[in-house]
């Protein structure tokens, strides 16, 4: 998938993205809003591993967020399995210098649409930290519904925190999407 969203392009990760990936991902403010599986510090080796991983996906579910010709963030769907095989968790991040411009909202809308239309998902959800109000606002702006608070469900930097559960179903999406 390659999608021009106006303020950004969503595309597969590719060799050559390593320098910009490290430049934008190796940031404490980005890392502290994400799961610990996102490395910090973020090294060239981490970028090489990620790009190799993302390139071998089938179906494609992880995308670079490109702004002005540079990979400045990432967005993806973690497909579930077994009885949840038509569900996915959406995750995203963007370089700090681009925050507050609506880029993440545009990217979440596009990947949500891709998940429902191309991957035939029935549910897409996200579990942001309760303290990440900007991420929560992105989900709400994209029509995701707050389903509850997962109290004391995560540990970040040694602190026990709450997470919020947001989700959108294919039926919700069909009701709220503009007819084309």
N, C-alpha and C. Protein backbone atom coordinates (compact mmCIF):
# COMPACT_ATOMS: atom_id res chain seq x y z
N UNK A 1 0.84 -1.17 0.00
CA UNK A 1 0.00 0.00 0.00
C UNK A 1 0.89 1.24 0.00
N UNK A 2 0.56 2.18 -0.82
CA UNK A 2 1.14 3.52 -0.80
C UNK A 2 -0.03 4.47 -0.93
N UNK A 3 -0.17 5.35 0.05
CA UNK A 3 -1.32 6.22 0.09
C UNK A 3 -0.87 7.65 0.38
N UNK A 4 -1.19 8.55 -0.54
CA UNK A 4 -0.90 9.97 -0.33
C UNK A 4 -2.07 10.57 0.44
N UNK A 5 -1.81 10.99 1.66
CA UNK A 5 -2.86 11.52 2.54
C UNK A 5 -2.85 13.04 2.60
N UNK A 6 -2.14 13.69 1.72
CA UNK A 6 -2.07 15.15 1.72
C UNK A 6 -0.88 15.63 2.54
N UNK A 7 -1.00 15.57 3.87
CA UNK A 7 0.08 16.03 4.74
C UNK A 7 1.17 14.98 4.93
N UNK A 8 0.90 13.76 4.49
CA UNK A 8 1.88 12.68 4.62
C UNK A 8 1.59 11.59 3.59
N UNK A 9 2.55 10.70 3.45
CA UNK A 9 2.39 9.52 2.61
C UNK A 9 2.59 8.32 3.51
N UNK A 10 1.72 7.34 3.40
CA UNK A 10 1.90 6.06 4.09
C UNK A 10 2.41 5.07 3.07
N UNK A 11 3.52 4.43 3.40
CA UNK A 11 4.14 3.51 2.45
C UNK A 11 4.90 2.44 3.22
N UNK A 12 5.26 1.34 2.52
CA UNK A 12 6.07 0.32 3.19
C UNK A 12 7.43 0.88 3.59
N UNK A 13 7.98 0.34 4.68
CA UNK A 13 9.35 0.67 5.07
C UNK A 13 10.29 0.14 4.01
N UNK A 14 11.43 0.82 3.79
CA UNK A 14 12.38 0.38 2.77
C UNK A 14 13.81 0.69 3.20
N UNK A 15 14.72 -0.04 2.61
CA UNK A 15 16.13 0.24 2.84
C UNK A 15 16.40 1.68 2.44
N UNK A 16 17.19 2.36 3.25
CA UNK A 16 17.44 3.78 3.05
C UNK A 16 16.69 4.63 4.06
N UNK A 17 15.68 4.04 4.74
CA UNK A 17 14.93 4.76 5.78
C UNK A 17 15.67 4.79 7.12
N UNK A 18 16.75 4.02 7.24
CA UNK A 18 17.43 3.88 8.53
C UNK A 18 17.85 5.22 9.15
N UNK A 19 18.52 6.13 8.42
CA UNK A 19 18.95 7.38 9.07
C UNK A 19 17.78 8.21 9.61
N UNK A 20 16.71 8.36 8.83
CA UNK A 20 15.58 9.17 9.31
C UNK A 20 14.84 8.44 10.42
N UNK A 21 14.75 7.12 10.34
CA UNK A 21 14.10 6.35 11.40
C UNK A 21 14.83 6.56 12.72
N UNK A 22 16.14 6.44 12.71
CA UNK A 22 16.91 6.66 13.94
C UNK A 22 16.75 8.10 14.43
N UNK A 23 16.83 9.05 13.53
CA UNK A 23 16.74 10.47 13.91
C UNK A 23 15.41 10.78 14.62
N UNK A 24 14.32 10.22 14.15
CA UNK A 24 13.01 10.52 14.74
C UNK A 24 12.64 9.59 15.89
N UNK A 25 13.11 8.35 15.85
CA UNK A 25 12.73 7.37 16.89
C UNK A 25 13.60 7.46 18.13
N UNK A 26 14.83 7.91 17.98
CA UNK A 26 15.74 7.98 19.13
C UNK A 26 15.46 9.25 19.93
N UNK A 27 14.30 9.25 20.60
CA UNK A 27 13.82 10.43 21.30
C UNK A 27 13.08 9.96 22.55
N UNK A 28 13.52 10.41 23.68
CA UNK A 28 12.91 10.02 24.95
C UNK A 28 11.41 10.33 24.99
N UNK A 29 11.01 11.51 24.48
CA UNK A 29 9.60 11.90 24.52
C UNK A 29 8.72 10.98 23.67
N UNK A 30 9.26 10.47 22.58
CA UNK A 30 8.54 9.48 21.77
C UNK A 30 8.47 8.17 22.54
N UNK A 31 9.62 7.69 23.02
CA UNK A 31 9.71 6.39 23.69
C UNK A 31 8.80 6.30 24.92
N UNK A 32 8.74 7.36 25.72
CA UNK A 32 7.99 7.27 26.97
C UNK A 32 6.48 7.16 26.77
N UNK A 33 6.02 7.35 25.54
CA UNK A 33 4.59 7.23 25.23
C UNK A 33 4.27 5.88 24.58
N UNK A 34 5.30 5.02 24.43
CA UNK A 34 5.13 3.75 23.74
C UNK A 34 5.49 2.58 24.64
N UNK A 35 5.16 1.40 24.17
CA UNK A 35 5.52 0.19 24.90
C UNK A 35 7.04 0.01 24.93
N UNK A 36 7.49 -0.74 25.90
CA UNK A 36 8.93 -0.93 26.06
C UNK A 36 9.56 -1.73 24.92
N UNK A 37 8.77 -2.38 24.09
CA UNK A 37 9.31 -3.08 22.93
C UNK A 37 9.91 -2.12 21.91
N UNK A 38 9.54 -0.85 21.99
CA UNK A 38 10.13 0.19 21.14
C UNK A 38 11.44 0.59 21.80
N UNK A 39 12.57 0.34 21.14
CA UNK A 39 13.87 0.53 21.81
C UNK A 39 14.18 1.98 22.19
N UNK A 40 14.94 2.11 23.28
CA UNK A 40 15.52 3.40 23.66
C UNK A 40 16.81 3.13 24.40
N UNK A 41 17.93 3.63 23.93
CA UNK A 41 18.05 4.44 22.71
C UNK A 41 17.74 3.62 21.46
N UNK A 42 17.36 4.31 20.40
CA UNK A 42 17.02 3.67 19.13
C UNK A 42 18.25 3.78 18.23
N UNK A 43 18.83 2.63 17.89
CA UNK A 43 20.11 2.59 17.18
C UNK A 43 19.93 2.24 15.70
N UNK A 44 21.00 2.35 14.97
CA UNK A 44 21.02 1.95 13.56
C UNK A 44 20.67 0.46 13.44
N UNK A 45 21.19 -0.36 14.35
CA UNK A 45 20.88 -1.80 14.32
C UNK A 45 19.38 -2.03 14.54
N UNK A 46 18.77 -1.26 15.44
CA UNK A 46 17.32 -1.37 15.64
C UNK A 46 16.57 -1.03 14.37
N UNK A 47 16.99 0.03 13.68
CA UNK A 47 16.34 0.45 12.44
C UNK A 47 16.50 -0.62 11.36
N UNK A 48 17.69 -1.19 11.25
CA UNK A 48 17.93 -2.24 10.25
C UNK A 48 17.05 -3.45 10.53
N UNK A 49 16.95 -3.85 11.80
CA UNK A 49 16.11 -4.99 12.16
C UNK A 49 14.65 -4.69 11.80
N UNK A 50 14.17 -3.50 12.18
CA UNK A 50 12.77 -3.16 11.94
C UNK A 50 12.44 -3.17 10.45
N UNK A 51 13.28 -2.57 9.65
CA UNK A 51 13.01 -2.49 8.21
C UNK A 51 13.02 -3.88 7.59
N UNK A 52 13.95 -4.73 8.00
CA UNK A 52 13.97 -6.11 7.49
C UNK A 52 12.69 -6.85 7.89
N UNK A 53 12.24 -6.66 9.14
CA UNK A 53 11.01 -7.28 9.61
C UNK A 53 9.81 -6.79 8.81
N UNK A 54 9.68 -5.48 8.67
CA UNK A 54 8.52 -4.90 7.99
C UNK A 54 8.47 -5.28 6.52
N UNK A 55 9.62 -5.41 5.89
CA UNK A 55 9.66 -5.74 4.46
C UNK A 55 9.16 -7.14 4.17
N UNK A 56 9.26 -8.06 5.12
CA UNK A 56 8.87 -9.45 4.85
C UNK A 56 7.43 -9.76 5.24
N UNK A 57 6.66 -8.76 5.60
CA UNK A 57 5.28 -9.00 6.01
C UNK A 57 4.38 -9.36 4.84
N UNK A 58 3.44 -10.23 5.10
CA UNK A 58 2.41 -10.57 4.13
C UNK A 58 1.18 -11.04 4.91
N UNK A 59 0.15 -10.25 4.99
CA UNK A 59 -0.06 -8.99 4.29
C UNK A 59 0.72 -7.84 4.94
N UNK A 60 0.88 -6.78 4.19
CA UNK A 60 1.57 -5.59 4.68
C UNK A 60 0.71 -4.93 5.76
N UNK A 61 1.29 -4.76 6.96
CA UNK A 61 0.52 -4.15 8.05
C UNK A 61 1.27 -3.04 8.78
N UNK A 62 2.53 -2.82 8.46
CA UNK A 62 3.31 -1.76 9.11
C UNK A 62 3.83 -0.81 8.05
N UNK A 63 3.64 0.49 8.28
CA UNK A 63 3.94 1.50 7.27
C UNK A 63 4.76 2.64 7.85
N UNK A 64 5.60 3.21 7.01
CA UNK A 64 6.29 4.43 7.36
C UNK A 64 5.33 5.60 7.14
N UNK A 65 5.42 6.58 8.01
CA UNK A 65 4.73 7.85 7.81
C UNK A 65 5.77 8.79 7.23
N UNK A 66 5.62 9.11 5.96
CA UNK A 66 6.59 9.94 5.26
C UNK A 66 6.08 11.38 5.18
N UNK A 67 6.92 12.31 5.58
CA UNK A 67 6.62 13.73 5.47
C UNK A 67 7.80 14.39 4.77
N UNK A 68 7.51 15.14 3.73
CA UNK A 68 8.54 15.82 2.94
C UNK A 68 9.64 14.86 2.49
N UNK A 69 9.24 13.67 2.05
CA UNK A 69 10.18 12.70 1.51
C UNK A 69 10.99 11.93 2.52
N UNK A 70 10.66 12.06 3.80
CA UNK A 70 11.44 11.41 4.86
C UNK A 70 10.53 10.60 5.77
N UNK A 71 10.97 9.38 6.12
CA UNK A 71 10.23 8.55 7.08
C UNK A 71 10.36 9.19 8.46
N UNK A 72 9.24 9.71 8.97
CA UNK A 72 9.25 10.46 10.23
C UNK A 72 8.48 9.79 11.35
N UNK A 73 7.89 8.64 11.08
CA UNK A 73 7.12 7.93 12.08
C UNK A 73 6.65 6.61 11.51
N UNK A 74 5.88 5.90 12.31
CA UNK A 74 5.38 4.61 11.86
C UNK A 74 3.97 4.36 12.37
N UNK A 75 3.27 3.52 11.64
CA UNK A 75 1.91 3.13 12.01
C UNK A 75 1.69 1.71 11.54
N UNK A 76 0.95 0.95 12.32
CA UNK A 76 0.72 -0.43 11.91
C UNK A 76 -0.41 -1.10 12.64
N UNK A 77 -0.75 -2.24 12.12
CA UNK A 77 -1.78 -3.09 12.70
C UNK A 77 -1.14 -4.40 13.12
N UNK A 78 -1.33 -4.77 14.38
CA UNK A 78 -0.88 -6.06 14.88
C UNK A 78 -2.07 -7.00 14.78
N UNK A 79 -2.03 -7.88 13.79
CA UNK A 79 -3.13 -8.81 13.57
C UNK A 79 -3.20 -9.83 14.69
N UNK A 80 -4.38 -10.14 15.12
CA UNK A 80 -4.59 -11.15 16.15
C UNK A 80 -4.74 -12.51 15.49
N UNK A 81 -4.89 -13.53 16.31
CA UNK A 81 -5.01 -14.90 15.80
C UNK A 81 -6.14 -15.62 16.52
N UNK A 82 -6.31 -16.88 16.16
CA UNK A 82 -7.30 -17.76 16.78
C UNK A 82 -8.69 -17.11 16.71
N UNK A 83 -9.41 -17.06 17.80
CA UNK A 83 -10.78 -16.53 17.75
C UNK A 83 -10.82 -15.02 17.52
N UNK A 84 -9.68 -14.34 17.66
CA UNK A 84 -9.60 -12.89 17.42
C UNK A 84 -8.97 -12.58 16.06
N UNK A 85 -8.99 -13.53 15.15
CA UNK A 85 -8.27 -13.42 13.88
C UNK A 85 -8.79 -12.33 12.95
N UNK A 86 -9.91 -11.73 13.23
CA UNK A 86 -10.42 -10.62 12.42
C UNK A 86 -10.31 -9.30 13.17
N UNK A 87 -9.46 -9.28 14.18
CA UNK A 87 -9.20 -8.08 14.99
C UNK A 87 -7.73 -7.71 14.88
N UNK A 88 -7.45 -6.44 15.14
CA UNK A 88 -6.06 -5.98 15.14
C UNK A 88 -5.93 -4.81 16.11
N UNK A 89 -4.72 -4.66 16.65
CA UNK A 89 -4.39 -3.50 17.47
C UNK A 89 -3.64 -2.51 16.61
N UNK A 90 -4.06 -1.26 16.61
CA UNK A 90 -3.38 -0.22 15.86
C UNK A 90 -2.41 0.49 16.80
N UNK A 91 -1.23 0.74 16.27
CA UNK A 91 -0.22 1.47 17.02
C UNK A 91 0.46 2.47 16.11
N UNK A 92 0.97 3.55 16.67
CA UNK A 92 1.54 4.61 15.86
C UNK A 92 2.46 5.49 16.69
N UNK A 93 3.37 6.12 15.99
CA UNK A 93 4.24 7.13 16.61
C UNK A 93 4.70 8.09 15.52
N UNK A 94 5.09 9.27 15.94
CA UNK A 94 5.54 10.30 15.01
C UNK A 94 6.66 11.08 15.67
N UNK A 95 7.65 11.49 14.88
CA UNK A 95 8.74 12.30 15.41
C UNK A 95 8.22 13.54 16.11
N UNK A 96 8.84 13.88 17.22
CA UNK A 96 8.35 14.97 18.08
C UNK A 96 8.23 16.31 17.35
N UNK A 97 9.13 16.58 16.42
CA UNK A 97 9.08 17.87 15.73
C UNK A 97 7.86 18.03 14.83
N UNK A 98 7.09 16.96 14.63
CA UNK A 98 5.89 17.01 13.79
C UNK A 98 4.58 16.90 14.58
N UNK A 99 4.68 16.84 15.89
CA UNK A 99 3.47 16.72 16.71
C UNK A 99 2.58 17.95 16.55
N UNK A 100 1.28 17.72 16.70
CA UNK A 100 0.32 18.81 16.72
C UNK A 100 -0.08 19.33 15.35
N UNK A 101 0.23 18.61 14.30
CA UNK A 101 -0.08 19.08 12.94
C UNK A 101 -1.20 18.27 12.28
N UNK A 102 -1.78 17.31 12.99
CA UNK A 102 -2.85 16.50 12.42
C UNK A 102 -2.37 15.32 11.58
N UNK A 103 -1.08 15.12 11.50
CA UNK A 103 -0.51 14.05 10.67
C UNK A 103 -0.94 12.68 11.19
N UNK A 104 -0.84 12.49 12.50
CA UNK A 104 -1.18 11.18 13.07
C UNK A 104 -2.66 10.87 12.87
N UNK A 105 -3.52 11.85 13.01
CA UNK A 105 -4.95 11.63 12.80
C UNK A 105 -5.22 11.17 11.37
N UNK A 106 -4.60 11.81 10.41
CA UNK A 106 -4.77 11.42 9.00
C UNK A 106 -4.27 10.00 8.79
N UNK A 107 -3.12 9.66 9.38
CA UNK A 107 -2.55 8.32 9.22
C UNK A 107 -3.44 7.26 9.87
N UNK A 108 -3.95 7.53 11.07
CA UNK A 108 -4.83 6.57 11.75
C UNK A 108 -6.09 6.34 10.93
N UNK A 109 -6.68 7.40 10.39
CA UNK A 109 -7.88 7.23 9.55
C UNK A 109 -7.58 6.33 8.35
N UNK A 110 -6.45 6.57 7.70
CA UNK A 110 -6.11 5.81 6.49
C UNK A 110 -5.85 4.35 6.80
N UNK A 111 -5.11 4.07 7.86
CA UNK A 111 -4.81 2.67 8.19
C UNK A 111 -6.04 1.96 8.73
N UNK A 112 -6.90 2.68 9.42
CA UNK A 112 -8.17 2.09 9.87
C UNK A 112 -9.00 1.67 8.65
N UNK A 113 -9.11 2.54 7.68
CA UNK A 113 -9.85 2.21 6.47
C UNK A 113 -9.23 1.01 5.76
N UNK A 114 -7.91 1.01 5.65
CA UNK A 114 -7.18 -0.12 5.04
C UNK A 114 -7.50 -1.42 5.79
N UNK A 115 -7.51 -1.38 7.12
CA UNK A 115 -7.78 -2.57 7.91
C UNK A 115 -9.16 -3.14 7.66
N UNK A 116 -10.15 -2.27 7.59
CA UNK A 116 -11.51 -2.75 7.37
C UNK A 116 -11.74 -3.17 5.92
N UNK A 117 -11.25 -2.38 4.99
CA UNK A 117 -11.56 -2.64 3.58
C UNK A 117 -10.64 -3.68 2.94
N UNK A 118 -9.35 -3.61 3.15
CA UNK A 118 -8.43 -4.53 2.49
C UNK A 118 -8.19 -5.81 3.28
N UNK A 119 -8.17 -5.69 4.60
CA UNK A 119 -7.88 -6.87 5.44
C UNK A 119 -9.14 -7.51 6.00
N UNK A 120 -10.30 -6.89 5.78
CA UNK A 120 -11.60 -7.41 6.21
C UNK A 120 -11.68 -7.65 7.72
N UNK A 121 -11.08 -6.74 8.47
CA UNK A 121 -11.15 -6.83 9.92
C UNK A 121 -12.56 -6.47 10.40
N UNK A 122 -12.92 -6.97 11.58
CA UNK A 122 -14.20 -6.61 12.18
C UNK A 122 -14.01 -5.66 13.36
N UNK A 123 -12.77 -5.55 13.86
CA UNK A 123 -12.50 -4.71 15.03
C UNK A 123 -11.05 -4.27 15.01
N UNK A 124 -10.84 -2.98 15.25
CA UNK A 124 -9.51 -2.43 15.43
C UNK A 124 -9.52 -1.68 16.76
N UNK A 125 -8.51 -1.93 17.58
CA UNK A 125 -8.48 -1.32 18.90
C UNK A 125 -7.11 -0.74 19.21
N UNK A 126 -7.07 0.08 20.23
CA UNK A 126 -5.83 0.68 20.70
C UNK A 126 -5.89 0.79 22.21
N UNK A 127 -4.73 0.71 22.84
CA UNK A 127 -4.66 0.75 24.30
C UNK A 127 -3.60 1.79 24.72
N UNK A 128 -3.90 3.08 24.53
CA UNK A 128 -2.92 4.10 24.92
C UNK A 128 -2.85 4.26 26.44
N UNK A 129 -1.70 4.74 26.91
CA UNK A 129 -1.58 5.07 28.33
C UNK A 129 -2.61 6.17 28.64
N UNK A 130 -3.19 6.11 29.82
CA UNK A 130 -4.20 7.09 30.22
C UNK A 130 -3.62 8.51 30.23
N UNK A 131 -2.31 8.63 30.34
CA UNK A 131 -1.66 9.94 30.39
C UNK A 131 -1.35 10.53 29.02
N UNK A 132 -1.58 9.77 27.95
CA UNK A 132 -1.24 10.26 26.61
C UNK A 132 -2.47 10.90 25.95
N UNK A 133 -2.80 12.08 26.41
CA UNK A 133 -4.03 12.74 25.96
C UNK A 133 -4.02 13.02 24.45
N UNK A 134 -2.87 13.30 23.86
CA UNK A 134 -2.83 13.56 22.42
C UNK A 134 -3.19 12.30 21.63
N UNK A 135 -2.70 11.16 22.05
CA UNK A 135 -3.01 9.91 21.37
C UNK A 135 -4.49 9.56 21.53
N UNK A 136 -5.01 9.81 22.71
CA UNK A 136 -6.44 9.57 22.95
C UNK A 136 -7.28 10.48 22.05
N UNK A 137 -6.88 11.72 21.92
CA UNK A 137 -7.60 12.68 21.07
C UNK A 137 -7.59 12.22 19.61
N UNK A 138 -6.45 11.69 19.14
CA UNK A 138 -6.37 11.16 17.78
C UNK A 138 -7.41 10.07 17.58
N UNK A 139 -7.48 9.12 18.50
CA UNK A 139 -8.44 8.02 18.39
C UNK A 139 -9.87 8.54 18.38
N UNK A 140 -10.18 9.45 19.28
CA UNK A 140 -11.54 10.00 19.34
C UNK A 140 -11.87 10.76 18.05
N UNK A 141 -10.91 11.51 17.51
CA UNK A 141 -11.14 12.23 16.26
C UNK A 141 -11.37 11.29 15.08
N UNK A 142 -10.88 10.06 15.20
CA UNK A 142 -11.05 9.06 14.14
C UNK A 142 -12.27 8.17 14.38
N UNK A 143 -13.07 8.48 15.38
CA UNK A 143 -14.30 7.73 15.62
C UNK A 143 -14.18 6.54 16.54
N UNK A 144 -13.00 6.30 17.10
CA UNK A 144 -12.84 5.19 18.04
C UNK A 144 -13.64 5.48 19.31
N UNK A 145 -14.21 4.43 19.87
CA UNK A 145 -15.08 4.53 21.04
C UNK A 145 -14.33 4.08 22.28
N UNK A 146 -14.44 4.86 23.34
CA UNK A 146 -13.82 4.49 24.61
C UNK A 146 -14.62 3.35 25.23
N UNK A 147 -13.98 2.23 25.44
CA UNK A 147 -14.67 1.06 25.99
C UNK A 147 -14.37 0.84 27.46
N UNK A 148 -13.35 1.53 27.97
CA UNK A 148 -13.07 1.38 29.39
C UNK A 148 -11.65 1.72 29.74
N UNK A 149 -11.42 1.75 31.04
CA UNK A 149 -10.09 1.99 31.58
C UNK A 149 -9.56 0.68 32.13
N UNK A 150 -8.38 0.34 31.69
CA UNK A 150 -7.71 -0.87 32.19
C UNK A 150 -6.81 -0.40 33.34
N UNK A 151 -7.36 -0.46 34.53
CA UNK A 151 -6.70 0.10 35.71
C UNK A 151 -5.44 -0.67 36.07
N UNK A 152 -4.37 0.10 36.34
CA UNK A 152 -3.10 -0.45 36.81
C UNK A 152 -2.62 -1.62 35.93
N UNK A 153 -2.74 -1.43 34.63
CA UNK A 153 -2.49 -2.54 33.69
C UNK A 153 -1.12 -2.50 33.01
N UNK A 154 -0.34 -1.47 33.28
CA UNK A 154 0.97 -1.37 32.61
C UNK A 154 1.99 -0.78 33.58
N UNK A 155 3.25 -1.03 33.26
CA UNK A 155 4.35 -0.43 34.01
C UNK A 155 5.26 0.24 33.01
N UNK A 156 5.46 1.54 33.18
CA UNK A 156 6.36 2.29 32.31
C UNK A 156 7.32 3.07 33.21
N UNK A 157 8.58 2.89 32.98
CA UNK A 157 9.63 3.54 33.78
C UNK A 157 9.45 3.26 35.27
N UNK A 158 9.02 2.03 35.60
CA UNK A 158 8.87 1.61 36.98
C UNK A 158 7.61 2.11 37.67
N UNK A 159 6.72 2.78 36.94
CA UNK A 159 5.49 3.32 37.52
C UNK A 159 4.30 2.54 36.97
N UNK A 160 3.41 2.10 37.84
CA UNK A 160 2.21 1.39 37.43
C UNK A 160 1.21 2.44 36.95
N UNK A 161 0.67 2.22 35.74
CA UNK A 161 -0.23 3.20 35.14
C UNK A 161 -1.47 2.51 34.57
N UNK A 162 -2.48 3.34 34.31
CA UNK A 162 -3.70 2.88 33.65
C UNK A 162 -3.53 2.99 32.14
N UNK A 163 -4.30 2.16 31.43
CA UNK A 163 -4.42 2.27 29.99
C UNK A 163 -5.90 2.43 29.65
N UNK A 164 -6.15 3.09 28.54
CA UNK A 164 -7.52 3.27 28.06
C UNK A 164 -7.74 2.35 26.87
N UNK A 165 -8.90 1.75 26.78
CA UNK A 165 -9.23 0.86 25.68
C UNK A 165 -10.18 1.59 24.73
N UNK A 166 -9.73 1.77 23.50
CA UNK A 166 -10.52 2.39 22.43
C UNK A 166 -10.66 1.40 21.31
N UNK A 167 -11.83 1.37 20.66
CA UNK A 167 -12.03 0.44 19.55
C UNK A 167 -13.01 1.01 18.54
N UNK A 168 -12.91 0.47 17.35
CA UNK A 168 -13.83 0.78 16.27
C UNK A 168 -14.14 -0.54 15.58
N UNK A 169 -15.40 -0.79 15.29
CA UNK A 169 -15.77 -2.01 14.58
C UNK A 169 -16.08 -1.70 13.12
N UNK A 170 -16.11 -2.74 12.33
CA UNK A 170 -16.46 -2.57 10.91
C UNK A 170 -17.86 -1.97 10.76
N UNK A 171 -18.79 -2.33 11.64
CA UNK A 171 -20.14 -1.78 11.58
C UNK A 171 -20.13 -0.29 11.91
N UNK A 172 -19.37 0.11 12.95
CA UNK A 172 -19.23 1.54 13.27
C UNK A 172 -18.66 2.29 12.09
N UNK A 173 -17.62 1.72 11.50
CA UNK A 173 -16.92 2.35 10.37
C UNK A 173 -17.86 2.52 9.19
N UNK A 174 -18.66 1.50 8.89
CA UNK A 174 -19.59 1.56 7.76
C UNK A 174 -20.63 2.66 7.96
N UNK A 175 -21.06 2.86 9.21
CA UNK A 175 -22.07 3.88 9.52
C UNK A 175 -21.51 5.29 9.43
N UNK A 176 -20.22 5.47 9.72
CA UNK A 176 -19.66 6.81 9.82
C UNK A 176 -18.82 7.21 8.62
N UNK A 177 -18.48 6.27 7.74
CA UNK A 177 -17.65 6.59 6.59
C UNK A 177 -18.46 7.28 5.50
N UNK A 178 -17.85 8.27 4.85
CA UNK A 178 -18.56 8.91 3.74
C UNK A 178 -18.76 7.94 2.60
N UNK A 179 -19.91 8.03 1.94
CA UNK A 179 -20.21 7.16 0.81
C UNK A 179 -19.42 7.67 -0.40
N UNK A 180 -18.71 6.75 -1.05
CA UNK A 180 -17.91 7.14 -2.23
C UNK A 180 -18.54 6.67 -3.50
